[in-house]
């Protein structure tokens, strides 16, 4: 049995970010993951500016390492395709030197393994893989974590749950349960031979009228591959009895624009489904002796599907709170609620804006209007760009002159 003051469950982007940030401060921790790396994860595979800037905070050279890795493709923006077929091209804003791309596209099997290897080489981080924690018990200030044979694996004072959308801990102790109107069902497949992929690595989000309020995406990848998928809120899928696989393949085969681009394309592997816990409502993401991070805290952007960047930001915030409490090692609920405040202070303006944009998709004419307006308004285009960047939107959204600029620019 191991004893560790801090135990992180999950060695994905959120958990690894927290571990490396704690390591930089000289604070030891243990990470447990049920997988053996490298392992795949179903995702859109987009690494936004939030990811790049968070990596730079962990180590100044990390973004350069991504840029020099052939498994990664530089990404410079996003293209929204409205129901009327009009495009809105939104370049990612640069908050870094011009030698580093503002974003990347990388299969999760590559990115997560790279991040895992960086974490492994960090001092003060102990890693256990291939072990699934099935049981959590708390007595006084000590957690006991056991496997399915009820063998005690580790004892800890603080649990950081960063084990994804299906987090056992988040459900049992965090009270996080899937809510269909705050959850998205998604499908993803890899394709070869898709025509018209953007040379600057712009990701594409298609809002096809017949598929609303869902969306269809095409994300270019290295070697001419593409990550292709669909997403739709789970309550809509259930209410309308939609078969996402059939709808996705139907769009590829029949949509006037898409069918030509996929005419010579072949699927590489199979379609995979997954769930996205959306950050379209505030939740309690800390408690007595625990913090919830990333997908386990339901922090996925409800409009763009951005998950990795928000997960890594939550990892940084978790580390900051722990560092501030490390001297006394008091991890009770009252002391840790500062984490909730800091996470939502940073992310809620974006999540709330995205929630409103998600609602716009219900009304094709209104979404068309916004796209048309954004094509003429530098202010609105920059605001949408900020959703993919590590840029604080609070001051902008609170400024009444912002809305006047949007209306009359």
Protein backbone atom coordinates (compact mmCIF):
# COMPACT_ATOMS: atom_id res chain seq x y z
CA UNK A 1 0.00 0.00 0.00
CA UNK A 2 1.14 3.52 -0.86
CA UNK A 3 0.56 6.64 1.19
CA UNK A 4 0.33 9.95 -0.68
CA UNK A 5 -1.06 13.26 0.52
CA UNK A 6 -2.42 13.97 -2.98
CA UNK A 7 -3.79 11.33 -5.35
CA UNK A 8 -4.81 12.21 -8.89
CA UNK A 9 -7.16 9.75 -10.59
CA UNK A 10 -6.65 9.96 -14.34
CA UNK A 11 -3.51 10.72 -16.35
CA UNK A 12 -5.20 12.66 -19.15
CA UNK A 13 -4.63 16.37 -19.85
CA UNK A 14 -6.34 17.59 -16.66
CA UNK A 15 -4.54 15.20 -14.32
CA UNK A 16 -1.14 15.60 -15.96
CA UNK A 17 -1.44 19.39 -15.92
CA UNK A 18 -2.23 19.39 -12.20
CA UNK A 19 0.64 16.99 -11.47
CA UNK A 20 3.23 19.01 -13.42
CA UNK A 21 2.07 22.30 -11.90
CA UNK A 22 2.37 20.79 -8.40
CA UNK A 23 5.77 19.35 -9.28
CA UNK A 24 7.03 22.81 -10.29
CA UNK A 25 6.11 23.96 -6.77
CA UNK A 26 7.92 21.00 -5.21
CA UNK A 27 4.71 19.30 -4.06
CA UNK A 28 4.58 15.50 -4.46
CA UNK A 29 1.59 13.60 -5.79
CA UNK A 30 0.58 10.20 -7.14
CA UNK A 31 -1.32 9.63 -10.39
CA UNK A 32 -3.36 6.47 -10.92
CA UNK A 33 -4.78 5.52 -14.33
CA UNK A 34 -6.54 2.32 -15.36
CA UNK A 35 -4.94 2.41 -18.83
CA UNK A 36 -1.47 1.53 -20.01
CA UNK A 37 -0.08 4.34 -22.15
CA UNK A 38 -0.16 4.99 -25.03
CA UNK A 39 -3.92 4.70 -25.12
CA UNK A 40 -6.51 6.25 -27.42
CA UNK A 41 -9.42 8.49 -26.45
CA UNK A 42 -12.35 9.40 -28.65
CA UNK A 43 -12.19 13.15 -29.23
CA UNK A 44 -12.13 15.85 -31.88
CA UNK A 45 -8.33 16.00 -31.52
CA UNK A 46 -8.12 19.82 -31.56
CA UNK A 47 -5.61 21.58 -29.30
CA UNK A 48 -6.74 25.18 -29.02
CA UNK A 49 -4.80 28.24 -27.95
CA UNK A 50 -5.83 27.48 -24.37
CA UNK A 51 -3.89 24.23 -24.60
CA UNK A 52 -0.82 25.86 -26.15
CA UNK A 53 -0.66 28.65 -23.58
CA UNK A 54 -1.26 26.28 -20.66
CA UNK A 55 1.60 24.10 -21.91
CA UNK A 56 3.82 27.18 -22.08
CA UNK A 57 3.02 27.91 -18.43
CA UNK A 58 4.12 24.40 -17.52
CA UNK A 59 7.33 24.59 -19.55
CA UNK A 60 8.43 27.33 -21.90
CA UNK A 61 9.57 24.85 -24.56
CA UNK A 62 6.48 22.59 -24.64
CA UNK A 63 4.76 24.43 -27.55
CA UNK A 64 7.96 24.22 -29.60
CA UNK A 65 8.14 20.49 -28.92
CA UNK A 66 4.61 20.10 -30.27
CA UNK A 67 5.51 22.11 -33.34
CA UNK A 68 8.53 19.92 -34.07
CA UNK A 69 6.58 16.66 -33.75
CA UNK A 70 5.29 15.19 -37.03
CA UNK A 71 2.28 13.76 -35.17
CA UNK A 72 0.92 17.29 -34.85
CA UNK A 73 -0.50 19.70 -37.43
CA UNK A 74 -0.46 23.47 -36.90
CA UNK A 75 -3.96 24.98 -36.70
CA UNK A 76 -4.59 28.67 -37.28
CA UNK A 77 -8.34 29.05 -36.91
CA UNK A 78 -11.89 27.77 -37.16
CA UNK A 79 -14.48 28.02 -39.92
CA UNK A 80 -18.15 28.11 -39.00
CA UNK A 81 -20.51 27.14 -41.81
CA UNK A 82 -24.00 28.52 -41.15
CA UNK A 83 -27.25 26.79 -42.21
CA UNK A 84 -27.42 29.07 -45.26
CA UNK A 85 -23.96 27.86 -46.34
CA UNK A 86 -22.19 31.13 -45.52
CA UNK A 87 -18.74 30.73 -43.96
CA UNK A 88 -17.25 32.62 -41.04
CA UNK A 89 -13.47 32.23 -40.88
CA UNK A 90 -12.14 33.06 -37.45
CA UNK A 91 -8.34 33.06 -37.06
CA UNK A 92 -7.07 32.12 -33.63
CA UNK A 93 -5.70 35.15 -31.83
CA UNK A 94 -2.01 35.10 -31.03
CA UNK A 95 -0.88 35.73 -27.48
CA UNK A 96 2.56 34.23 -28.12
CA UNK A 97 5.57 34.77 -30.36
CA UNK A 98 4.89 34.38 -34.06
CA UNK A 99 7.18 31.35 -34.35
CA UNK A 100 4.68 29.12 -32.51
CA UNK A 101 1.36 28.15 -34.12
CA UNK A 102 -1.66 29.33 -32.11
CA UNK A 103 -3.16 25.81 -32.07
CA UNK A 104 -2.54 22.23 -33.13
CA UNK A 105 -4.39 19.13 -34.29
CA UNK A 106 -3.16 15.86 -32.87
CA UNK A 107 -4.69 12.44 -32.33
CA UNK A 108 -5.23 11.88 -28.64
CA UNK A 109 -3.21 8.68 -28.70
CA UNK A 110 -0.20 10.84 -29.61
CA UNK A 111 -0.89 14.00 -27.58
CA UNK A 112 -1.94 12.28 -24.37
CA UNK A 113 1.06 9.95 -24.51
CA UNK A 114 3.43 12.89 -25.09
CA UNK A 115 1.90 14.75 -22.12
CA UNK A 116 2.06 11.58 -20.02
CA UNK A 117 5.77 11.18 -20.81
CA UNK A 118 6.45 14.78 -19.76
CA UNK A 119 4.65 14.10 -16.50
CA UNK A 120 6.60 10.88 -15.92
CA UNK A 121 9.86 12.80 -16.17
CA UNK A 122 8.72 15.45 -13.68
CA UNK A 123 10.18 15.23 -10.18
CA UNK A 124 7.82 14.60 -7.26
CA UNK A 125 5.31 12.68 -9.43
CA UNK A 126 4.66 9.00 -8.76
CA UNK A 127 2.68 7.19 -11.47
CA UNK A 128 0.66 3.97 -11.27
CA UNK A 129 -0.92 2.64 -14.49
CA UNK A 130 -3.03 -0.40 -15.30
CA UNK A 131 -4.95 -0.15 -12.02
CA UNK A 132 -8.65 0.64 -11.85
CA UNK A 133 -9.90 2.08 -8.59
CA UNK A 134 -13.32 0.62 -7.78
CA UNK A 135 -13.92 1.74 -4.22
CA UNK A 136 -13.39 4.96 -2.27
CA UNK A 137 -13.79 5.15 1.49
CA UNK A 138 -13.22 8.16 3.72
CA UNK A 139 -12.53 8.09 7.44
CA UNK A 140 -11.79 11.38 9.18
CA UNK A 141 -9.36 13.10 6.78
CA UNK A 142 -8.06 9.97 5.04
CA UNK A 143 -9.26 8.40 1.80
CA UNK A 144 -8.68 4.71 1.15
CA UNK A 145 -8.70 3.68 -2.51
CA UNK A 146 -9.15 0.02 -3.45
CA UNK A 147 -9.28 -2.07 -6.62
CA UNK A 148 -12.00 -4.55 -7.63
CA UNK A 149 -10.47 -7.25 -5.42
CA UNK A 150 -10.83 -4.76 -2.54
CA UNK A 151 -7.08 -4.56 -2.26
CA UNK A 152 -6.05 -1.21 -0.81
CA UNK A 153 -3.91 0.60 -3.37
CA UNK A 154 -3.34 3.95 -1.74
CA UNK A 155 -4.30 6.17 1.18
CA UNK A 156 -4.55 9.90 0.65
CA UNK A 157 -5.77 13.16 2.17
CA UNK A 158 -6.85 14.77 -1.09
CA UNK A 159 -8.42 13.18 -4.17
CA UNK A 160 -8.20 14.96 -7.52
CA UNK A 161 -10.71 13.25 -9.80
CA UNK A 162 -9.58 13.79 -13.40
CA UNK A 163 -10.88 10.52 -14.81
CA UNK A 164 -13.22 11.78 -17.49
CA UNK A 165 -16.90 11.89 -18.34
CA UNK A 166 -17.63 8.54 -16.71
CA UNK A 167 -15.83 9.37 -13.48
CA UNK A 168 -16.91 6.94 -10.78
CA UNK A 169 -15.73 9.31 -8.05
CA UNK A 170 -17.53 12.35 -9.50
CA UNK A 171 -20.82 10.45 -9.50
CA UNK A 172 -20.42 8.90 -6.07
CA UNK A 173 -18.99 11.81 -4.11
CA UNK A 174 -19.34 14.85 -6.33
CA UNK A 175 -23.00 14.25 -7.13
CA UNK A 176 -22.31 14.77 -10.84
CA UNK A 177 -24.90 12.85 -12.80
CA UNK A 178 -25.55 13.07 -16.56
CA UNK A 179 -28.39 15.45 -17.46
CA UNK A 180 -29.60 15.03 -21.02
CA UNK A 181 -30.00 18.77 -21.63
CA UNK A 182 -26.43 19.37 -20.39
CA UNK A 183 -24.87 16.41 -22.20
CA UNK A 184 -23.87 15.84 -25.81
CA UNK A 185 -23.78 12.59 -27.73
CA UNK A 186 -20.97 12.40 -30.26
CA UNK A 187 -19.54 10.16 -32.97
CA UNK A 188 -16.04 10.28 -34.41
CA UNK A 189 -14.28 8.54 -37.29
CA UNK A 190 -10.96 8.96 -39.06
CA UNK A 191 -11.06 9.42 -42.84
CA UNK A 192 -8.47 9.39 -45.57
CA UNK A 193 -8.86 11.28 -48.83
CA UNK A 194 -11.25 14.07 -47.78
CA UNK A 195 -10.95 16.89 -50.31
CA UNK A 196 -10.57 20.59 -49.53
CA UNK A 197 -8.89 20.39 -46.14
CA UNK A 198 -7.63 23.82 -45.15
CA UNK A 199 -3.89 24.34 -45.71
CA UNK A 200 -3.67 26.46 -42.56
CA UNK A 201 -5.29 23.78 -40.44
CA UNK A 202 -8.59 25.61 -39.90
CA UNK A 203 -11.07 23.29 -38.21
CA UNK A 204 -14.59 23.20 -39.68
CA UNK A 205 -17.88 23.28 -37.79
CA UNK A 206 -20.87 22.74 -40.11
CA UNK A 207 -24.34 23.69 -38.89
CA UNK A 208 -26.47 21.92 -41.50
CA UNK A 209 -30.12 22.99 -41.45
CA UNK A 210 -31.45 19.43 -41.65
CA UNK A 211 -29.26 18.34 -38.71
CA UNK A 212 -29.84 21.21 -36.29
CA UNK A 213 -29.40 21.65 -33.39
CA UNK A 214 -26.51 19.25 -33.98
CA UNK A 215 -23.30 19.99 -35.85
CA UNK A 216 -20.93 18.19 -38.19
CA UNK A 217 -17.17 18.68 -38.01
CA UNK A 218 -14.12 18.11 -40.14
CA UNK A 219 -10.74 18.57 -38.45
CA UNK A 220 -7.63 18.13 -40.64
CA UNK A 221 -4.83 15.94 -39.31
CA UNK A 222 -1.23 15.19 -40.34
CA UNK A 223 -0.64 13.18 -43.52
CA UNK A 224 -3.87 14.37 -45.13
CA UNK A 225 -6.10 12.50 -42.67
CA UNK A 226 -9.21 14.01 -41.10
CA UNK A 227 -11.16 13.63 -37.88
CA UNK A 228 -14.83 13.67 -38.90
CA UNK A 229 -17.81 13.55 -36.58
CA UNK A 230 -21.16 14.78 -35.36
CA UNK A 231 -22.50 15.98 -32.04
CA UNK A 232 -25.97 16.68 -30.73
CA UNK A 233 -27.41 17.35 -27.30
CA UNK A 234 -28.60 14.12 -25.73
CA UNK A 235 -32.10 15.33 -24.88
CA UNK A 236 -32.69 16.13 -28.55
CA UNK A 237 -31.31 12.76 -29.65
CA UNK A 238 -33.65 10.99 -27.25
CA UNK A 239 -36.72 13.09 -27.98
CA UNK A 240 -36.39 12.81 -31.75
CA UNK A 241 -35.10 9.22 -31.66
CA UNK A 242 -32.13 10.17 -33.84
CA UNK A 243 -29.62 7.57 -34.98
CA UNK A 244 -26.42 9.64 -35.10
CA UNK A 245 -24.51 7.09 -37.16
CA UNK A 246 -27.20 7.00 -39.85
CA UNK A 247 -27.47 10.79 -39.87
CA UNK A 248 -23.73 11.30 -40.14
CA UNK A 249 -23.34 8.87 -43.04
CA UNK A 250 -26.42 10.35 -44.73
CA UNK A 251 -24.92 13.85 -44.56
CA UNK A 252 -21.65 12.62 -46.05
CA UNK A 253 -23.47 10.85 -48.88
CA UNK A 254 -26.09 13.47 -49.77
CA UNK A 255 -25.17 16.98 -48.62
CA UNK A 256 -24.46 19.15 -51.70
CA UNK A 257 -21.07 20.30 -50.40
CA UNK A 258 -19.96 17.32 -48.35
CA UNK A 259 -20.70 14.54 -50.83
CA UNK A 260 -18.17 15.92 -53.32
CA UNK A 261 -15.50 16.28 -50.68
CA UNK A 262 -16.02 12.69 -49.51
CA UNK A 263 -16.45 11.19 -52.99
CA UNK A 264 -13.05 9.47 -52.89
CA UNK A 265 -12.66 9.30 -49.11
CA UNK A 266 -12.41 6.08 -47.14
CA UNK A 267 -13.01 5.51 -43.45
CA UNK A 268 -9.94 4.46 -41.51
CA UNK A 269 -11.15 2.11 -38.78
CA UNK A 270 -14.65 2.36 -37.34
CA UNK A 271 -17.05 4.94 -35.94
CA UNK A 272 -16.76 5.46 -32.20
CA UNK A 273 -19.34 7.06 -29.93
CA UNK A 274 -18.72 9.06 -26.77
CA UNK A 275 -20.44 11.43 -24.36
CA UNK A 276 -19.62 15.06 -23.64
CA UNK A 277 -20.65 16.48 -20.23
CA UNK A 278 -21.30 20.11 -21.06
CA UNK A 279 -20.44 23.11 -18.92
CA UNK A 280 -23.77 24.78 -19.64
CA UNK A 281 -24.60 25.02 -15.94
CA UNK A 282 -22.54 25.67 -12.84
CA UNK A 283 -21.93 22.67 -10.61
CA UNK A 284 -20.27 22.07 -7.26
CA UNK A 285 -16.85 20.75 -8.26
CA UNK A 286 -15.13 20.45 -4.90
CA UNK A 287 -15.93 19.01 -1.50
CA UNK A 288 -14.44 17.62 1.66
CA UNK A 289 -11.08 16.28 0.57
CA UNK A 290 -11.63 16.32 -3.19
CA UNK A 291 -11.54 18.36 -6.40
CA UNK A 292 -13.14 17.50 -9.75
CA UNK A 293 -11.26 18.38 -12.94
CA UNK A 294 -11.97 18.49 -16.67
CA UNK A 295 -14.70 16.23 -18.01
CA UNK A 296 -15.28 14.84 -14.51
CA UNK A 297 -16.33 18.39 -13.57
CA UNK A 298 -18.45 18.80 -16.75
CA UNK A 299 -16.43 21.68 -18.22
CA UNK A 300 -16.81 21.03 -21.96
CA UNK A 301 -17.78 24.06 -24.02
CA UNK A 302 -21.46 23.62 -25.03
CA UNK A 303 -21.03 25.25 -28.43
CA UNK A 304 -17.56 24.44 -29.69
CA UNK A 305 -17.03 21.13 -27.90
CA UNK A 306 -13.73 22.46 -26.51
CA UNK A 307 -12.71 20.12 -23.71
CA UNK A 308 -8.93 19.72 -23.53
CA UNK A 309 -8.16 23.40 -22.95
CA UNK A 310 -10.78 23.77 -20.22
CA UNK A 311 -9.57 20.55 -18.59
CA UNK A 312 -5.99 21.81 -18.48
CA UNK A 313 -7.08 25.17 -17.09
CA UNK A 314 -8.93 23.34 -14.30
CA UNK A 315 -5.70 21.42 -13.63
CA UNK A 316 -3.78 24.67 -13.23
CA UNK A 317 -6.45 26.12 -10.93
CA UNK A 318 -6.46 22.96 -8.81
CA UNK A 319 -2.68 23.19 -8.39
CA UNK A 320 -2.89 26.87 -7.47
CA UNK A 321 -5.44 26.18 -4.73
CA UNK A 322 -3.46 23.24 -3.35
CA UNK A 323 -0.23 25.26 -3.29
CA UNK A 324 -2.01 27.98 -1.30
CA UNK A 325 -3.27 25.39 1.22
CA UNK A 326 -0.15 23.22 1.33
CA UNK A 327 1.38 24.63 4.51
CA UNK A 328 -1.62 23.72 6.69
CA UNK A 329 -2.78 20.80 4.51
CA UNK A 330 -6.36 21.63 5.41
CA UNK A 331 -8.41 20.21 2.54
CA UNK A 332 -11.89 20.49 4.00
CA UNK A 333 -14.82 21.64 1.88
CA UNK A 334 -14.71 25.20 3.13
CA UNK A 335 -11.04 25.59 2.24
CA UNK A 336 -11.40 24.01 -1.20
CA UNK A 337 -14.46 25.93 -2.39
CA UNK A 338 -12.05 28.60 -3.62
CA UNK A 339 -11.36 26.17 -6.48
CA UNK A 340 -14.98 26.40 -7.70
CA UNK A 341 -14.80 30.18 -7.53
CA UNK A 342 -11.54 30.38 -9.50
CA UNK A 343 -12.54 27.87 -12.17
CA UNK A 344 -15.86 29.56 -12.91
CA UNK A 345 -14.35 33.02 -12.62
CA UNK A 346 -12.05 32.02 -15.46
CA UNK A 347 -14.33 29.82 -17.58
CA UNK A 348 -17.95 30.80 -16.94
CA UNK A 349 -18.01 33.92 -19.20
CA UNK A 350 -16.99 31.70 -22.12
CA UNK A 351 -19.23 28.79 -21.14
CA UNK A 352 -22.21 31.09 -20.68
CA UNK A 353 -21.59 32.78 -24.03
CA UNK A 354 -21.32 29.36 -25.67
CA UNK A 355 -24.55 28.28 -24.02
CA UNK A 356 -26.29 31.25 -25.62
CA UNK A 357 -24.74 30.44 -29.00
CA UNK A 358 -25.86 26.83 -28.60
CA UNK A 359 -29.41 28.13 -28.19
CA UNK A 360 -29.06 30.20 -31.38
CA UNK A 361 -28.62 27.02 -33.38
CA UNK A 362 -32.29 26.22 -32.74
CA UNK A 363 -33.15 29.15 -34.97
CA UNK A 364 -31.37 28.85 -38.34
CA UNK A 365 -32.35 32.35 -39.48
CA UNK A 366 -30.88 33.87 -36.31
CA UNK A 367 -27.68 31.87 -36.56
CA UNK A 368 -27.36 32.96 -40.20
CA UNK A 369 -27.79 36.56 -39.05
CA UNK A 370 -25.01 36.22 -36.44
CA UNK A 371 -22.62 34.72 -38.99
CA UNK A 372 -23.41 37.49 -41.47
CA UNK A 373 -22.87 40.11 -38.77
CA UNK A 374 -19.62 38.54 -37.56
CA UNK A 375 -18.27 38.66 -41.11
CA UNK A 376 -18.66 42.44 -40.95
CA UNK A 377 -17.80 43.01 -37.27
CA UNK A 378 -14.18 42.74 -36.19
CA UNK A 379 -15.26 43.01 -32.55
CA UNK A 380 -17.66 40.07 -32.74
CA UNK A 381 -15.20 37.94 -34.72
CA UNK A 382 -12.47 38.58 -32.14
CA UNK A 383 -14.86 37.67 -29.32
CA UNK A 384 -15.67 34.33 -30.95
CA UNK A 385 -11.93 33.78 -31.42
CA UNK A 386 -11.41 34.31 -27.69
CA UNK A 387 -13.55 31.23 -27.00
CA UNK A 388 -10.66 29.13 -28.34
CA UNK A 389 -7.94 31.08 -26.57
CA UNK A 390 -6.66 31.52 -23.05
CA UNK A 391 -8.05 35.05 -22.97
CA UNK A 392 -10.33 36.38 -20.25
CA UNK A 393 -13.68 37.54 -21.70
CA UNK A 394 -15.11 39.04 -18.51
CA UNK A 395 -14.01 42.64 -19.07
CA UNK A 396 -15.18 42.56 -22.67
CA UNK A 397 -18.64 41.15 -21.93
CA UNK A 398 -19.20 43.52 -19.01
CA UNK A 399 -18.37 46.60 -21.09
CA UNK A 400 -21.61 48.18 -22.43
CA UNK A 401 -19.66 49.73 -25.29
CA UNK A 402 -18.81 46.23 -26.50
CA UNK A 403 -22.43 45.62 -27.43
CA UNK A 404 -22.69 49.01 -29.13
CA UNK A 405 -19.64 48.14 -31.21
CA UNK A 406 -21.18 44.83 -32.23
CA UNK A 407 -24.46 46.51 -33.21
CA UNK A 408 -23.04 49.41 -35.16
CA UNK A 409 -19.60 48.33 -36.35
